[in-house]
Protein backbone atom coordinates (compact mmCIF):
# COMPACT_ATOMS: atom_id res chain seq x y z
CA MET A 1 136.64 -25.28 183.85
CA ASN A 2 134.01 -22.57 184.28
CA LEU A 3 132.30 -20.51 181.67
CA PHE A 4 134.52 -17.25 182.10
CA SER A 5 137.78 -19.48 182.31
CA GLN A 6 136.73 -21.10 179.06
CA VAL A 7 136.32 -17.95 177.24
CA TRP A 8 139.65 -16.64 178.29
CA THR A 9 141.64 -19.71 177.52
CA VAL A 10 140.17 -20.02 173.95
CA THR A 11 140.31 -16.04 173.44
CA LEU A 12 143.85 -15.79 174.50
CA LEU A 13 144.75 -18.69 172.25
CA ASN A 14 143.04 -17.12 169.20
CA LEU A 15 144.94 -14.09 169.77
CA GLN A 16 148.33 -15.90 170.02
CA GLY A 17 147.69 -17.31 166.46
CA LEU A 18 147.57 -13.68 164.94
CA PRO A 19 150.81 -13.26 163.65
CA GLN A 20 149.99 -16.28 161.46
CA ARG A 21 147.29 -14.77 160.39
CA LEU A 22 148.65 -11.55 159.76
CA ARG A 23 147.83 -10.48 156.47
CA PRO A 24 144.08 -10.67 156.53
CA SER A 25 144.41 -9.21 160.11
CA LEU A 26 145.99 -6.64 158.69
CA VAL A 27 143.22 -6.10 155.64
CA MET A 28 140.70 -5.73 158.57
CA ILE A 29 142.54 -2.95 160.62
CA VAL A 30 143.02 -1.12 157.47
CA GLY A 31 139.13 -1.73 156.49
CA VAL A 32 138.30 0.06 160.21
CA ALA A 33 140.82 2.57 159.99
CA GLY A 34 139.11 3.74 156.59
CA ALA A 35 135.57 4.08 157.91
CA VAL A 36 136.72 5.50 161.12
CA ALA A 37 138.97 8.17 159.66
CA ALA A 38 136.49 9.05 156.87
CA THR A 39 133.63 9.15 159.00
CA LEU A 40 134.97 11.16 161.69
CA SER A 41 136.61 13.78 159.21
CA LEU A 42 133.48 14.67 157.59
CA LEU A 43 131.80 14.95 161.33
CA ALA A 44 134.43 17.51 161.91
CA LEU A 45 132.95 20.00 159.58
CA SER A 46 129.57 19.81 161.60
CA ALA A 47 131.38 19.77 164.71
CA GLY A 48 133.55 22.59 163.74
CA LEU A 49 130.86 24.53 162.15
CA ARG A 50 128.74 24.18 165.56
CA SER A 51 131.76 24.90 167.66
CA MET A 52 132.72 28.11 165.92
CA ALA A 53 129.12 29.41 165.54
CA LEU A 54 128.35 28.72 169.54
CA GLY A 55 131.79 29.75 171.00
CA ASP A 56 131.82 31.15 174.18
CA ILE A 57 128.17 32.67 174.11
CA ASP A 58 126.89 33.19 177.65
CA PRO A 59 123.86 31.67 178.26
CA ALA A 60 122.51 34.80 180.15
CA ARG A 61 122.66 36.42 176.58
CA ALA A 62 119.54 37.37 174.77
CA MET A 63 118.50 38.83 171.72
CA VAL A 64 115.52 40.58 170.29
CA LEU A 65 114.42 40.73 166.84
CA SER A 66 111.60 42.69 165.19
CA GLY A 67 108.09 40.70 165.09
CA GLY A 68 108.01 38.03 162.13
CA ALA A 69 112.16 38.33 161.43
CA SER A 70 113.45 35.04 160.68
CA GLY A 71 117.18 36.62 161.16
CA GLU A 72 118.66 39.78 161.68
CA PHE A 73 119.04 40.77 158.15
CA THR A 74 114.87 40.91 157.68
CA SER A 75 114.60 42.58 161.34
CA ASP A 76 114.07 46.37 161.79
CA LEU A 77 113.90 48.18 165.22
CA SER A 78 113.41 51.51 165.34
CA PRO A 79 115.08 53.71 168.35
CA ALA A 80 111.89 54.02 170.05
CA ASP A 81 111.85 49.88 169.85
CA VAL A 82 115.30 50.10 171.39
CA ALA A 83 114.14 52.51 174.11
CA VAL A 84 111.09 50.22 175.43
CA ILE A 85 113.48 46.95 175.01
CA ALA A 86 115.82 48.42 177.15
CA GLN A 87 113.76 49.12 180.02
CA ALA A 88 112.44 44.99 180.27
CA PRO A 89 112.72 43.69 183.28
CA GLY A 90 115.70 40.90 183.97
CA ILE A 91 118.36 43.04 182.36
CA ARG A 92 121.49 43.06 184.58
CA ARG A 93 123.25 46.40 185.22
CA ASP A 94 127.20 46.97 185.18
CA ALA A 95 129.27 48.21 188.05
CA SER A 96 127.86 51.74 187.41
CA GLY A 97 124.51 51.10 187.06
CA ALA A 98 123.88 51.18 183.80
CA ARG A 99 122.15 48.27 181.80
CA MET A 100 123.87 45.77 179.49
CA VAL A 101 121.67 46.50 176.68
CA GLN A 102 123.56 47.02 172.78
CA ALA A 103 121.45 47.89 169.57
CA GLU A 104 123.24 46.97 166.59
CA PRO A 105 122.94 47.84 163.19
CA VAL A 106 124.17 45.04 160.58
CA ILE A 107 124.91 46.18 157.07
CA LEU A 108 126.11 43.36 154.62
CA VAL A 109 129.31 44.98 152.25
CA ASP A 110 131.11 43.92 149.57
CA ALA A 111 134.65 42.39 150.29
CA THR A 112 137.49 40.48 147.72
CA ARG A 113 138.68 37.16 148.14
CA LYS A 114 142.21 36.78 148.37
CA SER A 115 141.99 33.32 146.96
CA SER A 116 139.85 33.86 144.33
CA GLY A 117 139.71 37.46 143.50
CA GLY A 118 135.92 37.57 143.67
CA THR A 119 133.57 39.42 145.26
CA ASP A 120 131.54 38.18 148.50
CA SER A 121 129.50 39.95 151.27
CA ILE A 122 130.59 40.25 155.15
CA ASN A 123 129.23 41.92 158.03
CA LEU A 124 129.98 45.55 159.02
CA ARG A 125 128.04 45.41 162.17
CA GLY A 126 127.60 48.62 164.64
CA THR A 127 128.17 48.06 168.28
CA GLY A 128 129.32 49.59 171.50
CA PRO A 129 131.09 49.17 175.00
CA GLU A 130 128.11 47.56 176.20
CA GLY A 131 127.97 45.13 173.22
CA LEU A 132 131.67 44.65 173.26
CA ALA A 133 131.33 43.95 177.33
CA MET A 134 128.55 41.65 176.63
CA ASP A 135 131.18 39.25 174.33
CA LYS A 136 133.68 37.82 177.20
CA ALA A 137 135.72 36.18 173.92
CA PHE A 138 136.16 39.52 172.37
CA HIS A 139 140.31 40.62 172.57
CA LEU A 140 141.73 43.48 170.76
CA ILE A 141 144.75 41.54 168.74
CA SER A 142 146.76 44.73 167.33
CA GLY A 143 145.95 48.06 166.62
CA ARG A 144 143.43 50.47 168.68
CA MET A 145 139.68 50.39 169.02
CA TYR A 146 137.34 52.74 166.54
CA ARG A 147 137.00 56.22 167.78
CA PRO A 148 132.97 57.26 168.23
CA GLY A 149 131.82 59.85 165.44
CA ALA A 150 134.68 58.53 163.31
CA ASP A 151 134.31 56.24 159.96
CA GLU A 152 137.07 53.70 161.29
CA LEU A 153 136.33 50.01 162.16
CA ILE A 154 138.08 46.85 163.62
CA VAL A 155 138.06 43.74 161.49
CA GLY A 156 137.75 39.86 162.79
CA LYS A 157 141.10 37.89 161.95
CA LYS A 158 139.30 35.38 159.99
CA ALA A 159 137.96 38.41 157.78
CA GLU A 160 141.14 39.67 157.71
CA SER A 161 142.45 36.22 156.38
CA GLU A 162 139.95 35.66 154.01
CA TYR A 163 139.70 39.03 152.66
CA ALA A 164 142.19 41.53 150.54
CA ASP A 165 142.69 44.90 152.06
CA LEU A 166 141.40 44.34 155.37
CA THR A 167 144.47 44.54 157.45
CA PRO A 168 145.15 47.20 159.83
CA ASP A 169 146.21 50.75 158.81
CA SER A 170 144.48 50.14 155.44
CA HIS A 171 141.59 52.07 153.82
CA VAL A 172 138.49 50.36 152.51
CA SER A 173 135.29 51.71 150.28
CA LEU A 174 131.98 50.72 151.96
CA ARG A 175 128.66 51.60 150.38
CA GLY A 176 130.39 54.31 149.05
CA VAL A 177 131.98 55.69 152.41
CA GLU A 178 135.66 55.71 152.89
CA TRP A 179 136.51 53.52 156.46
CA THR A 180 140.17 53.49 158.16
CA ILE A 181 140.67 50.05 159.47
CA VAL A 182 142.18 50.61 162.92
CA GLY A 183 142.77 47.17 164.72
CA ASP A 184 142.00 43.62 164.03
CA PHE A 185 140.30 41.45 166.78
CA SER A 186 139.61 37.54 168.02
CA ASP A 187 136.62 36.36 169.28
CA GLY A 188 137.50 32.99 170.31
CA GLY A 189 137.44 31.69 167.14
CA GLY A 190 133.57 32.27 166.84
CA LEU A 191 131.48 33.97 164.20
CA GLY A 192 132.37 37.26 165.06
CA GLU A 193 135.76 36.89 163.59
CA THR A 194 134.14 36.63 160.26
CA GLU A 195 132.77 40.59 160.94
CA MET A 196 134.13 44.14 160.82
CA LEU A 197 132.91 46.35 163.72
CA ALA A 198 132.25 49.74 164.05
CA ASP A 199 130.74 52.15 166.31
CA ALA A 200 126.97 51.81 165.88
CA PRO A 201 125.68 55.34 166.07
CA THR A 202 128.52 56.36 163.23
CA GLU A 203 127.64 53.25 161.21
CA LEU A 204 124.28 54.66 160.83
CA SER A 205 124.79 58.06 160.26
CA ALA A 206 127.57 57.33 157.52
CA LEU A 207 125.60 54.82 155.90
CA SER A 208 122.17 56.65 155.82
CA ARG A 209 120.32 54.28 158.15
CA THR A 210 117.58 54.65 160.99
CA SER A 211 116.99 51.48 162.51
CA TYR A 212 118.85 48.75 163.95
CA GLN A 213 118.65 45.00 163.05
CA THR A 214 119.38 43.51 166.31
CA VAL A 215 119.02 44.49 170.62
CA PHE A 216 121.28 42.21 172.64
CA ALA A 217 120.42 42.10 176.49
CA GLU A 218 122.58 40.39 178.97
CA LEU A 219 120.29 39.15 181.61
CA GLU A 220 121.05 39.00 185.63
CA LYS A 221 121.04 34.82 185.16
CA PRO A 222 119.72 32.69 182.29
CA GLY A 223 116.57 32.11 184.41
CA ALA A 224 115.41 35.59 183.86
CA PHE A 225 114.59 35.16 180.13
CA ALA A 226 111.22 33.91 181.02
CA ARG A 227 110.39 37.45 182.92
CA PHE A 228 112.39 39.43 180.15
CA ASN A 229 110.62 37.75 177.30
CA ASP A 230 106.82 38.21 178.73
CA ALA A 231 107.36 41.90 179.38
CA LEU A 232 108.20 42.41 175.80
CA SER A 233 105.79 40.31 174.22
CA THR A 234 102.70 41.56 176.38
CA ASN A 235 104.19 45.41 175.62
CA PRO A 236 101.44 46.88 173.14
CA GLN A 237 104.35 49.29 172.26
CA LEU A 238 106.41 46.41 170.49
CA SER A 239 106.31 43.51 167.91
CA VAL A 240 109.07 41.99 168.72
CA VAL A 241 110.38 38.27 169.18
CA ALA A 242 113.20 37.18 171.91
CA ARG A 243 115.23 34.55 172.07
CA PRO A 244 118.46 33.11 174.20
CA TYR A 245 121.20 34.08 171.91
CA GLN A 246 122.92 30.56 172.28
CA ALA A 247 119.35 28.84 170.81
CA TYR A 248 119.32 31.26 168.38
CA VAL A 249 122.97 30.84 166.89
CA ALA A 250 121.89 26.98 167.09
CA GLY A 251 119.27 27.13 165.02
CA GLN A 252 120.65 28.94 161.97
CA VAL A 253 123.52 26.45 161.52
CA GLN A 254 121.19 23.37 162.59
CA GLN A 255 120.12 23.08 158.90
CA LEU A 256 123.36 22.86 157.71
CA THR A 257 125.17 20.96 160.52
CA GLY A 258 122.04 18.62 159.68
CA VAL A 259 123.16 18.19 155.98
CA LEU A 260 126.75 18.01 157.03
CA ASN A 261 125.92 15.32 159.53
CA PHE A 262 123.96 13.44 156.50
CA VAL A 263 126.32 13.35 153.94
CA ALA A 264 128.90 12.30 156.91
CA TYR A 265 126.90 9.29 158.07
CA LEU A 266 125.75 7.91 154.32
CA VAL A 267 129.90 8.01 153.65
CA GLY A 268 130.78 6.58 156.96
CA ALA A 269 127.79 3.39 156.40
CA VAL A 270 129.45 2.67 153.33
CA MET A 271 132.96 2.42 154.23
CA ALA A 272 131.66 0.41 157.66
CA ALA A 273 130.01 -1.84 155.36
CA GLY A 274 133.41 -2.38 153.21
CA ALA A 275 135.10 -3.06 156.77
CA ILE A 276 132.43 -5.26 158.00
CA PHE A 277 133.01 -7.59 154.52
CA ALA A 278 136.62 -7.06 155.37
CA ALA A 279 135.89 -8.30 158.86
CA LEU A 280 134.08 -11.28 157.42
CA ASN A 281 136.56 -12.47 155.37
CA THR A 282 139.54 -12.30 157.96
CA LEU A 283 137.39 -13.86 160.38
CA TYR A 284 136.04 -16.75 158.31
CA SER A 285 139.76 -17.28 157.26
CA ALA A 286 140.80 -17.57 160.98
CA VAL A 287 137.97 -19.92 161.82
CA ASP A 288 138.80 -22.18 158.81
CA ALA A 289 142.56 -22.14 159.52
CA ARG A 290 141.60 -23.21 163.26
CA ARG A 291 139.68 -25.95 162.32
CA ARG A 292 141.81 -28.42 164.26
CA GLU A 293 142.13 -26.43 167.26
CA ILE A 294 138.56 -25.61 167.54
CA ALA A 295 137.73 -29.02 167.22
CA THR A 296 140.12 -30.08 169.58
CA LEU A 297 138.94 -27.76 172.06
CA ARG A 298 135.35 -29.05 171.34
CA ALA A 299 135.91 -32.46 172.33
CA ILE A 300 137.67 -32.19 175.21
CA GLY A 301 134.52 -30.10 176.63
CA PHE A 302 135.10 -26.55 175.67
CA GLY A 303 131.40 -25.22 174.79
CA GLY A 304 130.39 -23.45 171.72
CA PHE A 305 129.67 -19.97 173.25
CA ALA A 306 133.49 -20.22 174.72
CA VAL A 307 134.21 -20.46 170.86
CA LEU A 308 132.08 -17.56 169.55
CA ALA A 309 133.34 -15.62 172.06
CA SER A 310 136.89 -15.68 170.85
CA VAL A 311 135.94 -15.27 167.71
CA VAL A 312 134.47 -12.04 168.61
CA GLY A 313 137.21 -11.22 170.88
CA GLU A 314 139.40 -11.41 167.85
CA ALA A 315 137.01 -9.16 165.71
CA VAL A 316 137.71 -6.58 168.87
CA ALA A 317 141.38 -6.93 169.09
CA LEU A 318 141.89 -6.22 165.51
CA ALA A 319 139.00 -3.41 165.71
CA ILE A 320 140.52 -1.28 168.52
CA PRO A 321 143.99 -0.40 166.81
CA GLY A 322 142.04 0.28 163.33
CA ALA A 323 140.02 2.70 165.49
CA ILE A 324 143.14 4.23 167.05
CA LEU A 325 144.88 4.55 163.47
CA GLY A 326 141.81 5.92 161.84
CA ALA A 327 140.95 8.67 164.33
CA LEU A 328 144.74 9.48 164.81
CA LEU A 329 144.64 10.22 161.11
CA ALA A 330 141.68 12.06 161.30
CA TRP A 331 143.03 14.58 164.23
CA VAL A 332 146.12 14.56 162.37
CA VAL A 333 145.11 15.25 158.99
CA PHE A 334 142.12 17.34 159.45
CA ASN A 335 141.82 18.84 163.41
CA GLY A 336 142.17 22.85 163.58
CA HIS A 337 142.37 23.31 159.53
CA GLN A 338 140.72 25.42 158.27
CA ALA A 339 137.52 24.91 155.98
CA GLU A 340 134.73 26.92 154.44
CA VAL A 341 130.83 26.28 154.38
CA ALA A 342 128.42 28.48 152.79
CA GLY A 343 131.18 31.39 152.73
CA VAL A 344 131.87 31.25 156.28
CA PRO A 345 135.49 30.08 157.32
CA TYR A 346 136.33 28.14 160.18
CA ASP A 347 138.48 25.76 161.76
CA LEU A 348 137.70 21.66 161.74
CA ALA A 349 137.03 20.22 165.03
CA VAL A 350 137.86 16.76 166.00
CA SER A 351 136.55 16.19 169.35
CA PRO A 352 136.93 14.05 172.21
CA GLY A 353 133.44 12.85 171.51
CA LEU A 354 134.31 12.47 167.93
CA LEU A 355 136.84 10.31 168.97
CA VAL A 356 134.89 8.12 171.31
CA PHE A 357 131.98 8.02 168.60
CA GLY A 358 135.04 6.29 166.24
CA LEU A 359 135.74 3.69 169.00
CA ILE A 360 132.16 2.76 169.11
CA SER A 361 131.42 2.68 165.31
CA ALA A 362 134.93 0.39 164.84
CA LEU A 363 133.36 -1.96 168.22
CA ALA A 364 129.90 -2.07 166.03
CA VAL A 365 131.56 -3.25 163.37
CA ALA A 366 133.80 -5.80 164.99
CA LEU A 367 130.81 -7.05 166.41
CA ILE A 368 128.34 -7.51 163.23
CA GLY A 369 131.24 -9.05 161.09
CA ALA A 370 132.34 -11.57 164.45
CA VAL A 371 128.57 -13.02 164.44
CA LEU A 372 128.24 -15.21 161.18
CA PRO A 373 132.00 -16.60 161.48
CA GLY A 374 131.28 -17.02 165.33
CA ILE A 375 128.18 -19.05 164.71
CA ARG A 376 130.03 -20.83 162.38
CA ALA A 377 133.38 -21.81 164.65
CA ALA A 378 130.37 -22.79 167.15
CA ARG A 379 128.99 -24.82 165.34
CA LEU A 380 131.76 -26.90 163.79
CA PRO A 381 131.52 -30.50 163.88
CA VAL A 382 133.73 -32.05 166.12
CA ALA A 383 134.11 -35.37 164.37
CA ALA A 384 134.45 -34.18 160.76
CA ALA A 385 136.86 -31.54 161.85
CA LEU A 386 138.83 -33.91 163.41
CA ARG A 387 138.98 -36.82 160.42
CA ALA A 388 139.71 -33.73 157.94
CA THR A 389 142.82 -32.49 159.85
């Protein structure tokens, strides 16, 4: 009998005996399921945050901040800066020939949380037709758009759900100015849904501001960024920094997602260690229960590798349902449920990639847990085992 046939026969015999070892087998399945569920649940925090932040950002979209600015709130761009930026090469024109450029003021304003009654800060962002046209995921849910020149705004659906008095037809006082909320919007689940939008010139006038924080530009294609950036960085009239918007957002959330991932992997490693010990206990018990069977197989010519492979096969056979159970639990309990990190509400995401990671992790636990019991089974003294039985 060739090696493959030996492995297949011994593994099949091993799996047929699982009902007689049901209790220790369930211990391993539950251990693997717990490790997978805990790890995926925590990784869903960072996956959801990254998915929400990046959303459906067009790779051809670029942003410009003032030189030395680490983010929008430390940036300061004058109308003269905006005018020069708008003439840079590589910017796409719409059907009417207008350049797709939008300068946006971003101002932090206070809002009251529904859950705690406490005060928190959210963005009041000024924008315009070009800015809204660049955001392909933007969609007005109800009400109407704000009117230029009027103290009106629209609110993102996540901000509306988290904060009090931000529903359409409500009035809210922001920085001493009374604003009317005339509509609410979605943004494909993205970060924009945590903000309020108003007409950019109206916001500047109402809040006595003269400068913008960001200039967004939609480029002709993603490859046009180098030409766009070179024109800005070599212009003596400007001191600005341009970045692809996707890269900027990814950088903003990287530190936070890194912390969340570290915690997830740490907890997952602890849970995986417990699952490995459960696997060791289960598989050592299986080897002891099969001493006579293993010795008989070895006596009639089956090799040690086939015996070792049968132990690995049992471990994998128990790890797979554990991984499926843990992944299903994480998906049912956490996927799509809302969480909040650093004051930003978003939906948890147990993505297909995480489900695959959970399965791979479970198989790794099974293989690690099967090594020592498998070696023990392969080295079982045949004569001594037959005499003992």
